Each structure stands twice: as structure tokens, then as C-alpha cells.
Amino acid sequence: RAMDRKIELPGKIIGIVFGLTSTLIFGSGLALCIQTNGLPFV
């Protein structure tokens, strides 16, 4: 069981952190698009 957790856990953690970070980046981009025009929109 310990070996199984050792194999599965790093991928799960890094995948979740990568997905959450990407979601925050997407949200930041969405906020820039909604609030501004010009270069911040791009």
C-alpha cells in the first residue's frame, strides 16, 4: 500500500497544482479582457 501511494501520489499532486495554476492564469486573462481595452486586452 505504501509503494502504491508512493507511485500514485506525486502525479496526482503535480497534476492538481498544474491544473489549479492554469485555472488562475485563465481567470486572470479573463479579468483583463473584461475590464480593459488595448494592450491589457491582448
PDB file of all heavy atoms in Angstrom:
ATOM      1  N   ARG A   1       0.831  -1.216   0.000  1.00  0.00           N
ATOM      2  CA  ARG A   1       0.000   0.000   0.000  1.00  0.00           C
ATOM      3  C   ARG A   1       0.859   1.257   0.000  1.00  0.00           C
ATOM      4  O   ARG A   1       0.553   2.235  -0.685  1.00  0.00           O
ATOM      5  CB  ARG A   1      -0.930   0.002   1.211  1.00  0.00           C
ATOM      6  CG  ARG A   1      -2.070  -0.968   1.073  1.00  0.00           C
ATOM      7  CD  ARG A   1      -3.000  -0.894   2.249  1.00  0.00           C
ATOM      8  NE  ARG A   1      -4.057  -1.888   2.103  1.00  0.00           N
ATOM      9  CZ  ARG A   1      -4.597  -2.549   3.109  1.00  0.00           C
ATOM     10  NH1 ARG A   1      -4.198  -2.317   4.338  1.00  0.00           N
ATOM     11  NH2 ARG A   1      -5.546  -3.430   2.883  1.00  0.00           N
ATOM     12  N   ALA A   2       1.942   1.243   0.771  1.00  0.00           N
ATOM     13  CA  ALA A   2       2.840   2.404   0.817  1.00  0.00           C
ATOM     14  C   ALA A   2       3.505   2.626  -0.537  1.00  0.00           C
ATOM     15  O   ALA A   2       3.623   3.762  -1.000  1.00  0.00           O
ATOM     16  CB  ALA A   2       3.893   2.212   1.906  1.00  0.00           C
ATOM     17  N   MET A   3       3.937   1.540  -1.183  1.00  0.00           N
ATOM     18  CA  MET A   3       4.547   1.665  -2.512  1.00  0.00           C
ATOM     19  C   MET A   3       3.526   2.188  -3.526  1.00  0.00           C
ATOM     20  O   MET A   3       3.851   3.019  -4.373  1.00  0.00           O
ATOM     21  CB  MET A   3       5.088   0.316  -2.981  1.00  0.00           C
ATOM     22  CG  MET A   3       6.328  -0.159  -2.286  1.00  0.00           C
ATOM     23  SD  MET A   3       7.786   0.761  -2.768  1.00  0.00           S
ATOM     24  CE  MET A   3       7.977   0.238  -4.449  1.00  0.00           C
ATOM     25  N   ASP A   4       2.287   1.709  -3.421  1.00  0.00           N
ATOM     26  CA  ASP A   4       1.242   2.158  -4.327  1.00  0.00           C
ATOM     27  C   ASP A   4       1.002   3.664  -4.175  1.00  0.00           C
ATOM     28  O   ASP A   4       0.904   4.394  -5.166  1.00  0.00           O
ATOM     29  CB  ASP A   4      -0.042   1.376  -4.063  1.00  0.00           C
ATOM     30  CG  ASP A   4      -1.119   1.646  -5.087  1.00  0.00           C
ATOM     31  OD1 ASP A   4      -0.779   1.779  -6.274  1.00  0.00           O
ATOM     32  OD2 ASP A   4      -2.297   1.721  -4.695  1.00  0.00           O
ATOM     33  N   ARG A   5       0.938   4.125  -2.929  1.00  0.00           N
ATOM     34  CA  ARG A   5       0.778   5.572  -2.692  1.00  0.00           C
ATOM     35  C   ARG A   5       1.986   6.343  -3.202  1.00  0.00           C
ATOM     36  O   ARG A   5       1.846   7.424  -3.769  1.00  0.00           O
ATOM     37  CB  ARG A   5       0.576   5.844  -1.202  1.00  0.00           C
ATOM     38  CG  ARG A   5      -0.838   5.570  -0.723  1.00  0.00           C
ATOM     39  CD  ARG A   5      -1.053   6.091   0.680  1.00  0.00           C
ATOM     40  NE  ARG A   5      -0.132   5.539   1.662  1.00  0.00           N
ATOM     41  CZ  ARG A   5      -0.333   4.424   2.345  1.00  0.00           C
ATOM     42  NH1 ARG A   5      -1.426   3.724   2.162  1.00  0.00           N
ATOM     43  NH2 ARG A   5       0.557   4.002   3.227  1.00  0.00           N
ATOM     44  N   LYS A   6       3.167   5.789  -3.006  1.00  0.00           N
ATOM     45  CA  LYS A   6       4.403   6.444  -3.451  1.00  0.00           C
ATOM     46  C   LYS A   6       4.419   6.604  -4.967  1.00  0.00           C
ATOM     47  O   LYS A   6       4.961   7.582  -5.485  1.00  0.00           O
ATOM     48  CB  LYS A   6       5.604   5.617  -2.989  1.00  0.00           C
ATOM     49  CG  LYS A   6       6.946   6.201  -3.329  1.00  0.00           C
ATOM     50  CD  LYS A   6       8.061   5.317  -2.798  1.00  0.00           C
ATOM     51  CE  LYS A   6       9.425   5.879  -3.128  1.00  0.00           C
ATOM     52  NZ  LYS A   6      10.504   5.026  -2.616  1.00  0.00           N
ATOM     53  N   ILE A   7       3.826   5.668  -5.672  1.00  0.00           N
ATOM     54  CA  ILE A   7       3.789   5.728  -7.130  1.00  0.00           C
ATOM     55  C   ILE A   7       2.706   6.697  -7.612  1.00  0.00           C
ATOM     56  O   ILE A   7       2.929   7.488  -8.522  1.00  0.00           O
ATOM     57  CB  ILE A   7       3.568   4.326  -7.721  1.00  0.00           C
ATOM     58  CG1 ILE A   7       4.805   3.462  -7.462  1.00  0.00           C
ATOM     59  CG2 ILE A   7       3.266   4.383  -9.203  1.00  0.00           C
ATOM     60  CD1 ILE A   7       4.617   2.001  -7.790  1.00  0.00           C
ATOM     61  N   GLU A   8       1.527   6.675  -7.008  1.00  0.00           N
ATOM     62  CA  GLU A   8       0.399   7.462  -7.493  1.00  0.00           C
ATOM     63  C   GLU A   8       0.398   8.916  -7.028  1.00  0.00           C
ATOM     64  O   GLU A   8      -0.013   9.799  -7.778  1.00  0.00           O
ATOM     65  CB  GLU A   8      -0.915   6.820  -7.045  1.00  0.00           C
ATOM     66  CG  GLU A   8      -1.230   5.537  -7.763  1.00  0.00           C
ATOM     67  CD  GLU A   8      -2.548   4.948  -7.326  1.00  0.00           C
ATOM     68  OE1 GLU A   8      -3.122   5.428  -6.326  1.00  0.00           O
ATOM     69  OE2 GLU A   8      -3.014   4.010  -7.985  1.00  0.00           O
ATOM     70  N   LEU A   9       0.815   9.180  -5.805  1.00  0.00           N
ATOM     71  CA  LEU A   9       0.641  10.497  -5.208  1.00  0.00           C
ATOM     72  C   LEU A   9       1.360  11.640  -5.922  1.00  0.00           C
ATOM     73  O   LEU A   9       0.745  12.697  -6.137  1.00  0.00           O
ATOM     74  CB  LEU A   9       1.040  10.444  -3.724  1.00  0.00           C
ATOM     75  CG  LEU A   9       0.572  11.599  -2.864  1.00  0.00           C
ATOM     76  CD1 LEU A   9      -0.943  11.706  -2.901  1.00  0.00           C
ATOM     77  CD2 LEU A   9       1.048  11.425  -1.447  1.00  0.00           C
ATOM     78  N   PRO A  10       2.624  11.514  -6.325  1.00  0.00           N
ATOM     79  CA  PRO A  10       3.284  12.661  -6.971  1.00  0.00           C
ATOM     80  C   PRO A  10       2.574  13.133  -8.240  1.00  0.00           C
ATOM     81  O   PRO A  10       2.423  14.338  -8.450  1.00  0.00           O
ATOM     82  CB  PRO A  10       4.688  12.138  -7.294  1.00  0.00           C
ATOM     83  CG  PRO A  10       4.919  11.036  -6.345  1.00  0.00           C
ATOM     84  CD  PRO A  10       3.577  10.414  -6.114  1.00  0.00           C
ATOM     85  N   GLY A  11       2.104  12.206  -9.059  1.00  0.00           N
ATOM     86  CA  GLY A  11       1.396  12.584 -10.272  1.00  0.00           C
ATOM     87  C   GLY A  11       0.096  13.311  -9.976  1.00  0.00           C
ATOM     88  O   GLY A  11      -0.244  14.297 -10.622  1.00  0.00           O
ATOM     89  N   LYS A  12      -0.633  12.813  -8.983  1.00  0.00           N
ATOM     90  CA  LYS A  12      -1.891  13.460  -8.607  1.00  0.00           C
ATOM     91  C   LYS A  12      -1.653  14.877  -8.101  1.00  0.00           C
ATOM     92  O   LYS A  12      -2.345  15.811  -8.501  1.00  0.00           O
ATOM     93  CB  LYS A  12      -2.604  12.648  -7.533  1.00  0.00           C
ATOM     94  CG  LYS A  12      -3.224  11.380  -8.034  1.00  0.00           C
ATOM     95  CD  LYS A  12      -3.922  10.640  -6.914  1.00  0.00           C
ATOM     96  CE  LYS A  12      -4.527   9.339  -7.393  1.00  0.00           C
ATOM     97  NZ  LYS A  12      -5.171   8.604  -6.311  1.00  0.00           N
ATOM     98  N   ILE A  13      -0.677  15.028  -7.217  1.00  0.00           N
ATOM     99  CA  ILE A  13      -0.409  16.346  -6.630  1.00  0.00           C
ATOM    100  C   ILE A  13       0.042  17.334  -7.698  1.00  0.00           C
ATOM    101  O   ILE A  13      -0.487  18.449  -7.784  1.00  0.00           O
ATOM    102  CB  ILE A  13       0.635  16.236  -5.499  1.00  0.00           C
ATOM    103  CG1 ILE A  13       0.028  15.516  -4.299  1.00  0.00           C
ATOM    104  CG2 ILE A  13       1.142  17.613  -5.092  1.00  0.00           C
ATOM    105  CD1 ILE A  13       1.016  15.203  -3.205  1.00  0.00           C
ATOM    106  N   ILE A  14       0.997  16.934  -8.515  1.00  0.00           N
ATOM    107  CA  ILE A  14       1.511  17.850  -9.540  1.00  0.00           C
ATOM    108  C   ILE A  14       0.430  18.160 -10.572  1.00  0.00           C
ATOM    109  O   ILE A  14       0.301  19.302 -11.013  1.00  0.00           O
ATOM    110  CB  ILE A  14       2.792  17.288 -10.178  1.00  0.00           C
ATOM    111  CG1 ILE A  14       3.909  17.292  -9.132  1.00  0.00           C
ATOM    112  CG2 ILE A  14       3.200  18.093 -11.401  1.00  0.00           C
ATOM    113  CD1 ILE A  14       5.177  16.623  -9.563  1.00  0.00           C
ATOM    114  N   GLY A  15      -0.375  17.185 -10.946  1.00  0.00           N
ATOM    115  CA  GLY A  15      -1.466  17.424 -11.887  1.00  0.00           C
ATOM    116  C   GLY A  15      -2.490  18.406 -11.342  1.00  0.00           C
ATOM    117  O   GLY A  15      -2.952  19.301 -12.053  1.00  0.00           O
ATOM    118  N   ILE A  16      -2.839  18.267 -10.069  1.00  0.00           N
ATOM    119  CA  ILE A  16      -3.801  19.184  -9.449  1.00  0.00           C
ATOM    120  C   ILE A  16      -3.225  20.585  -9.348  1.00  0.00           C
ATOM    121  O   ILE A  16      -3.892  21.570  -9.680  1.00  0.00           O
ATOM    122  CB  ILE A  16      -4.242  18.649  -8.062  1.00  0.00           C
ATOM    123  CG1 ILE A  16      -5.136  17.424  -8.240  1.00  0.00           C
ATOM    124  CG2 ILE A  16      -4.967  19.726  -7.269  1.00  0.00           C
ATOM    125  CD1 ILE A  16      -5.436  16.679  -6.969  1.00  0.00           C
ATOM    126  N   VAL A  17      -1.981  20.698  -8.897  1.00  0.00           N
ATOM    127  CA  VAL A  17      -1.350  22.020  -8.780  1.00  0.00           C
ATOM    128  C   VAL A  17      -1.222  22.675 -10.154  1.00  0.00           C
ATOM    129  O   VAL A  17      -1.509  23.871 -10.309  1.00  0.00           O
ATOM    130  CB  VAL A  17       0.026  21.909  -8.079  1.00  0.00           C
ATOM    131  CG1 VAL A  17       0.809  23.197  -8.197  1.00  0.00           C
ATOM    132  CG2 VAL A  17      -0.156  21.524  -6.625  1.00  0.00           C
ATOM    133  N   PHE A  18      -0.832  21.909 -11.159  1.00  0.00           N
ATOM    134  CA  PHE A  18      -0.702  22.442 -12.516  1.00  0.00           C
ATOM    135  C   PHE A  18      -2.062  22.906 -13.037  1.00  0.00           C
ATOM    136  O   PHE A  18      -2.183  23.986 -13.632  1.00  0.00           O
ATOM    137  CB  PHE A  18      -0.096  21.383 -13.436  1.00  0.00           C
ATOM    138  CG  PHE A  18       0.268  21.884 -14.793  1.00  0.00           C
ATOM    139  CD1 PHE A  18       1.393  22.658 -14.983  1.00  0.00           C
ATOM    140  CD2 PHE A  18      -0.517  21.572 -15.893  1.00  0.00           C
ATOM    141  CE1 PHE A  18       1.740  23.127 -16.241  1.00  0.00           C
ATOM    142  CE2 PHE A  18      -0.189  22.024 -17.151  1.00  0.00           C
ATOM    143  CZ  PHE A  18       0.950  22.816 -17.320  1.00  0.00           C
ATOM    144  N   GLY A  19      -3.105  22.112 -12.812  1.00  0.00           N
ATOM    145  CA  GLY A  19      -4.449  22.485 -13.255  1.00  0.00           C
ATOM    146  C   GLY A  19      -4.973  23.718 -12.547  1.00  0.00           C
ATOM    147  O   GLY A  19      -5.577  24.600 -13.164  1.00  0.00           O
ATOM    148  N   LEU A  20      -4.757  23.800 -11.232  1.00  0.00           N
ATOM    149  CA  LEU A  20      -5.214  24.976 -10.479  1.00  0.00           C
ATOM    150  C   LEU A  20      -4.466  26.230 -10.898  1.00  0.00           C
ATOM    151  O   LEU A  20      -5.066  27.310 -11.038  1.00  0.00           O
ATOM    152  CB  LEU A  20      -5.050  24.735  -8.978  1.00  0.00           C
ATOM    153  CG  LEU A  20      -6.033  23.764  -8.340  1.00  0.00           C
ATOM    154  CD1 LEU A  20      -5.665  23.514  -6.892  1.00  0.00           C
ATOM    155  CD2 LEU A  20      -7.448  24.294  -8.446  1.00  0.00           C
ATOM    156  N   THR A  21      -3.164  26.113 -11.099  1.00  0.00           N
ATOM    157  CA  THR A  21      -2.374  27.272 -11.549  1.00  0.00           C
ATOM    158  C   THR A  21      -2.859  27.731 -12.919  1.00  0.00           C
ATOM    159  O   THR A  21      -3.012  28.941 -13.156  1.00  0.00           O
ATOM    160  CB  THR A  21      -0.876  26.907 -11.596  1.00  0.00           C
ATOM    161  OG1 THR A  21      -0.473  26.449 -10.311  1.00  0.00           O
ATOM    162  CG2 THR A  21      -0.041  28.094 -11.999  1.00  0.00           C
ATOM    163  N   SER A  22      -3.112  26.791 -13.799  1.00  0.00           N
ATOM    164  CA  SER A  22      -3.609  27.137 -15.126  1.00  0.00           C
ATOM    165  C   SER A  22      -4.987  27.790 -15.046  1.00  0.00           C
ATOM    166  O   SER A  22      -5.289  28.721 -15.808  1.00  0.00           O
ATOM    167  CB  SER A  22      -3.681  25.892 -16.011  1.00  0.00           C
ATOM    168  OG  SER A  22      -2.407  25.339 -16.181  1.00  0.00           O
ATOM    169  N   THR A  23      -5.826  27.348 -14.127  1.00  0.00           N
ATOM    170  CA  THR A  23      -7.133  27.952 -13.941  1.00  0.00           C
ATOM    171  C   THR A  23      -7.001  29.392 -13.468  1.00  0.00           C
ATOM    172  O   THR A  23      -7.734  30.281 -13.930  1.00  0.00           O
ATOM    173  CB  THR A  23      -7.952  27.126 -12.928  1.00  0.00           C
ATOM    174  OG1 THR A  23      -8.036  25.781 -13.389  1.00  0.00           O
ATOM    175  CG2 THR A  23      -9.342  27.696 -12.749  1.00  0.00           C
ATOM    176  N   LEU A  24      -6.067  29.644 -12.552  1.00  0.00           N
ATOM    177  CA  LEU A  24      -5.840  31.018 -12.087  1.00  0.00           C
ATOM    178  C   LEU A  24      -5.308  31.904 -13.212  1.00  0.00           C
ATOM    179  O   LEU A  24      -5.695  33.072 -13.329  1.00  0.00           O
ATOM    180  CB  LEU A  24      -4.874  31.017 -10.902  1.00  0.00           C
ATOM    181  CG  LEU A  24      -5.420  30.406  -9.609  1.00  0.00           C
ATOM    182  CD1 LEU A  24      -4.322  30.321  -8.569  1.00  0.00           C
ATOM    183  CD2 LEU A  24      -6.592  31.210  -9.094  1.00  0.00           C
ATOM    184  N   ILE A  25      -4.440  31.357 -14.044  1.00  0.00           N
ATOM    185  CA  ILE A  25      -3.928  32.119 -15.191  1.00  0.00           C
ATOM    186  C   ILE A  25      -5.073  32.440 -16.147  1.00  0.00           C
ATOM    187  O   ILE A  25      -5.196  33.565 -16.641  1.00  0.00           O
ATOM    188  CB  ILE A  25      -2.798  31.342 -15.896  1.00  0.00           C
ATOM    189  CG1 ILE A  25      -1.566  31.287 -15.006  1.00  0.00           C
ATOM    190  CG2 ILE A  25      -2.460  31.972 -17.247  1.00  0.00           C
ATOM    191  CD1 ILE A  25      -0.483  30.362 -15.509  1.00  0.00           C
ATOM    192  N   PHE A  26      -5.935  31.457 -16.406  1.00  0.00           N
ATOM    193  CA  PHE A  26      -7.092  31.686 -17.265  1.00  0.00           C
ATOM    194  C   PHE A  26      -8.002  32.765 -16.677  1.00  0.00           C
ATOM    195  O   PHE A  26      -8.467  33.656 -17.391  1.00  0.00           O
ATOM    196  CB  PHE A  26      -7.867  30.379 -17.455  1.00  0.00           C
ATOM    197  CG  PHE A  26      -9.143  30.557 -18.212  1.00  0.00           C
ATOM    198  CD1 PHE A  26      -9.125  30.732 -19.579  1.00  0.00           C
ATOM    199  CD2 PHE A  26     -10.365  30.539 -17.560  1.00  0.00           C
ATOM    200  CE1 PHE A  26     -10.303  30.892 -20.291  1.00  0.00           C
ATOM    201  CE2 PHE A  26     -11.542  30.701 -18.256  1.00  0.00           C
ATOM    202  CZ  PHE A  26     -11.521  30.868 -19.634  1.00  0.00           C
ATOM    203  N   GLY A  27      -8.248  32.691 -15.386  1.00  0.00           N
ATOM    204  CA  GLY A  27      -9.096  33.693 -14.723  1.00  0.00           C
ATOM    205  C   GLY A  27      -8.495  35.088 -14.792  1.00  0.00           C
ATOM    206  O   GLY A  27      -9.214  36.079 -14.972  1.00  0.00           O
ATOM    207  N   SER A  28      -7.182  35.178 -14.645  1.00  0.00           N
ATOM    208  CA  SER A  28      -6.514  36.478 -14.756  1.00  0.00           C
ATOM    209  C   SER A  28      -6.676  37.041 -16.165  1.00  0.00           C
ATOM    210  O   SER A  28      -6.941  38.236 -16.338  1.00  0.00           O
ATOM    211  CB  SER A  28      -5.023  36.343 -14.432  1.00  0.00           C
ATOM    212  OG  SER A  28      -4.843  35.879 -13.131  1.00  0.00           O
ATOM    213  N   GLY A  29      -6.521  36.197 -17.139  1.00  0.00           N
ATOM    214  CA  GLY A  29      -6.710  36.637 -18.517  1.00  0.00           C
ATOM    215  C   GLY A  29      -8.131  37.083 -18.779  1.00  0.00           C
ATOM    216  O   GLY A  29      -8.379  38.099 -19.442  1.00  0.00           O
ATOM    217  N   LEU A  30      -9.082  36.354 -18.234  1.00  0.00           N
ATOM    218  CA  LEU A  30     -10.486  36.721 -18.387  1.00  0.00           C
ATOM    219  C   LEU A  30     -10.772  38.074 -17.732  1.00  0.00           C
ATOM    220  O   LEU A  30     -11.480  38.916 -18.298  1.00  0.00           O
ATOM    221  CB  LEU A  30     -11.368  35.625 -17.785  1.00  0.00           C
ATOM    222  CG  LEU A  30     -12.872  35.752 -17.958  1.00  0.00           C
ATOM    223  CD1 LEU A  30     -13.224  35.712 -19.438  1.00  0.00           C
ATOM    224  CD2 LEU A  30     -13.579  34.644 -17.214  1.00  0.00           C
ATOM    225  N   ALA A  31     -10.208  38.286 -16.559  1.00  0.00           N
ATOM    226  CA  ALA A  31     -10.402  39.562 -15.860  1.00  0.00           C
ATOM    227  C   ALA A  31      -9.810  40.713 -16.662  1.00  0.00           C
ATOM    228  O   ALA A  31     -10.406  41.797 -16.742  1.00  0.00           O
ATOM    229  CB  ALA A  31      -9.769  39.494 -14.475  1.00  0.00           C
ATOM    230  N   LEU A  32      -8.636  40.512 -17.256  1.00  0.00           N
ATOM    231  CA  LEU A  32      -8.032  41.557 -18.083  1.00  0.00           C
ATOM    232  C   LEU A  32      -8.887  41.854 -19.311  1.00  0.00           C
ATOM    233  O   LEU A  32      -9.001  43.010 -19.737  1.00  0.00           O
ATOM    234  CB  LEU A  32      -6.620  41.167 -18.512  1.00  0.00           C
ATOM    235  CG  LEU A  32      -5.523  41.329 -17.468  1.00  0.00           C
ATOM    236  CD1 LEU A  32      -4.212  40.763 -18.005  1.00  0.00           C
ATOM    237  CD2 LEU A  32      -5.356  42.780 -17.080  1.00  0.00           C
ATOM    238  N   CYS A  33      -9.471  40.831 -19.907  1.00  0.00           N
ATOM    239  CA  CYS A  33     -10.307  41.036 -21.087  1.00  0.00           C
ATOM    240  C   CYS A  33     -11.591  41.800 -20.751  1.00  0.00           C
ATOM    241  O   CYS A  33     -12.054  42.623 -21.534  1.00  0.00           O
ATOM    242  CB  CYS A  33     -10.685  39.701 -21.718  1.00  0.00           C
ATOM    243  SG  CYS A  33      -9.341  38.891 -22.571  1.00  0.00           S
ATOM    244  N   ILE A  34     -12.158  41.538 -19.613  1.00  0.00           N
ATOM    245  CA  ILE A  34     -13.429  42.159 -19.238  1.00  0.00           C
ATOM    246  C   ILE A  34     -13.245  43.621 -18.844  1.00  0.00           C
ATOM    247  O   ILE A  34     -14.055  44.472 -19.194  1.00  0.00           O
ATOM    248  CB  ILE A  34     -14.088  41.359 -18.087  1.00  0.00           C
ATOM    249  CG1 ILE A  34     -14.551  40.007 -18.618  1.00  0.00           C
ATOM    250  CG2 ILE A  34     -15.251  42.124 -17.484  1.00  0.00           C
ATOM    251  CD1 ILE A  34     -15.083  39.079 -17.556  1.00  0.00           C
ATOM    252  N   GLN A  35     -12.183  43.941 -18.138  1.00  0.00           N
ATOM    253  CA  GLN A  35     -12.043  45.256 -17.544  1.00  0.00           C
ATOM    254  C   GLN A  35     -11.359  46.290 -18.428  1.00  0.00           C
ATOM    255  O   GLN A  35     -11.457  47.474 -18.151  1.00  0.00           O
ATOM    256  CB  GLN A  35     -11.274  45.157 -16.226  1.00  0.00           C
ATOM    257  CG  GLN A  35     -12.047  44.407 -15.169  1.00  0.00           C
ATOM    258  CD  GLN A  35     -11.279  44.301 -13.874  1.00  0.00           C
ATOM    259  OE1 GLN A  35     -10.129  44.686 -13.794  1.00  0.00           O
ATOM    260  NE2 GLN A  35     -11.933  43.781 -12.848  1.00  0.00           N
ATOM    261  N   THR A  36     -10.643  45.899 -19.448  1.00  0.00           N
ATOM    262  CA  THR A  36      -9.820  46.877 -20.151  1.00  0.00           C
ATOM    263  C   THR A  36      -9.941  46.761 -21.656  1.00  0.00           C
ATOM    264  O   THR A  36     -10.514  45.817 -22.198  1.00  0.00           O
ATOM    265  CB  THR A  36      -8.339  46.690 -19.783  1.00  0.00           C
ATOM    266  OG1 THR A  36      -7.932  45.391 -20.168  1.00  0.00           O
ATOM    267  CG2 THR A  36      -8.096  46.910 -18.315  1.00  0.00           C
ATOM    268  N   ASN A  37      -9.349  47.753 -22.337  1.00  0.00           N
ATOM    269  CA  ASN A  37      -9.206  47.764 -23.797  1.00  0.00           C
ATOM    270  C   ASN A  37      -7.729  47.959 -24.113  1.00  0.00           C
ATOM    271  O   ASN A  37      -6.943  48.353 -23.267  1.00  0.00           O
ATOM    272  CB  ASN A  37     -10.018  48.900 -24.411  1.00  0.00           C
ATOM    273  CG  ASN A  37     -11.508  48.653 -24.293  1.00  0.00           C
ATOM    274  OD1 ASN A  37     -11.945  47.511 -24.349  1.00  0.00           O
ATOM    275  ND2 ASN A  37     -12.284  49.723 -24.128  1.00  0.00           N
ATOM    276  N   GLY A  38      -7.354  47.707 -25.349  1.00  0.00           N
ATOM    277  CA  GLY A  38      -5.983  47.968 -25.755  1.00  0.00           C
ATOM    278  C   GLY A  38      -5.050  46.825 -25.426  1.00  0.00           C
ATOM    279  O   GLY A  38      -5.394  45.644 -25.514  1.00  0.00           O
ATOM    280  N   LEU A  39      -3.821  47.190 -24.999  1.00  0.00           N
ATOM    281  CA  LEU A  39      -2.773  46.200 -24.726  1.00  0.00           C
ATOM    282  C   LEU A  39      -3.153  45.231 -23.599  1.00  0.00           C
ATOM    283  O   LEU A  39      -2.909  44.024 -23.735  1.00  0.00           O
ATOM    284  CB  LEU A  39      -1.445  46.900 -24.405  1.00  0.00           C
ATOM    285  CG  LEU A  39      -0.249  45.982 -24.205  1.00  0.00           C
ATOM    286  CD1 LEU A  39       0.019  45.158 -25.457  1.00  0.00           C
ATOM    287  CD2 LEU A  39       0.969  46.779 -23.821  1.00  0.00           C
ATOM    288  N   PRO A  40      -3.748  45.679 -22.482  1.00  0.00           N
ATOM    289  CA  PRO A  40      -4.147  44.701 -21.457  1.00  0.00           C
ATOM    290  C   PRO A  40      -5.160  43.681 -21.989  1.00  0.00           C
ATOM    291  O   PRO A  40      -5.153  42.526 -21.564  1.00  0.00           O
ATOM    292  CB  PRO A  40      -4.752  45.553 -20.349  1.00  0.00           C
ATOM    293  CG  PRO A  40      -4.104  46.878 -20.508  1.00  0.00           C
ATOM    294  CD  PRO A  40      -3.909  47.046 -21.985  1.00  0.00           C
ATOM    295  N   PHE A  41      -6.010  44.104 -22.931  1.00  0.00           N
ATOM    296  CA  PHE A  41      -6.972  43.165 -23.534  1.00  0.00           C
ATOM    297  C   PHE A  41      -6.236  42.062 -24.288  1.00  0.00           C
ATOM    298  O   PHE A  41      -6.569  40.888 -24.175  1.00  0.00           O
ATOM    299  CB  PHE A  41      -7.921  43.923 -24.465  1.00  0.00           C
ATOM    300  CG  PHE A  41      -8.962  43.050 -25.098  1.00  0.00           C
ATOM    301  CD1 PHE A  41     -10.086  42.671 -24.380  1.00  0.00           C
ATOM    302  CD2 PHE A  41      -8.812  42.582 -26.396  1.00  0.00           C
ATOM    303  CE1 PHE A  41     -11.051  41.859 -24.959  1.00  0.00           C
ATOM    304  CE2 PHE A  41      -9.764  41.765 -26.976  1.00  0.00           C
ATOM    305  CZ  PHE A  41     -10.890  41.403 -26.255  1.00  0.00           C
ATOM    306  N   VAL A  42      -5.218  42.445 -25.058  1.00  0.00           N
ATOM    307  CA  VAL A  42      -4.427  41.467 -25.809  1.00  0.00           C
ATOM    308  C   VAL A  42      -3.695  40.525 -24.849  1.00  0.00           C
ATOM    309  O   VAL A  42      -3.636  39.314 -25.074  1.00  0.00           O
ATOM    310  CB  VAL A  42      -3.440  42.182 -26.757  1.00  0.00           C
ATOM    311  CG1 VAL A  42      -2.500  41.193 -27.424  1.00  0.00           C
ATOM    312  CG2 VAL A  42      -4.191  43.004 -27.788  1.00  0.00           C
TER     313      VAL A  42
END
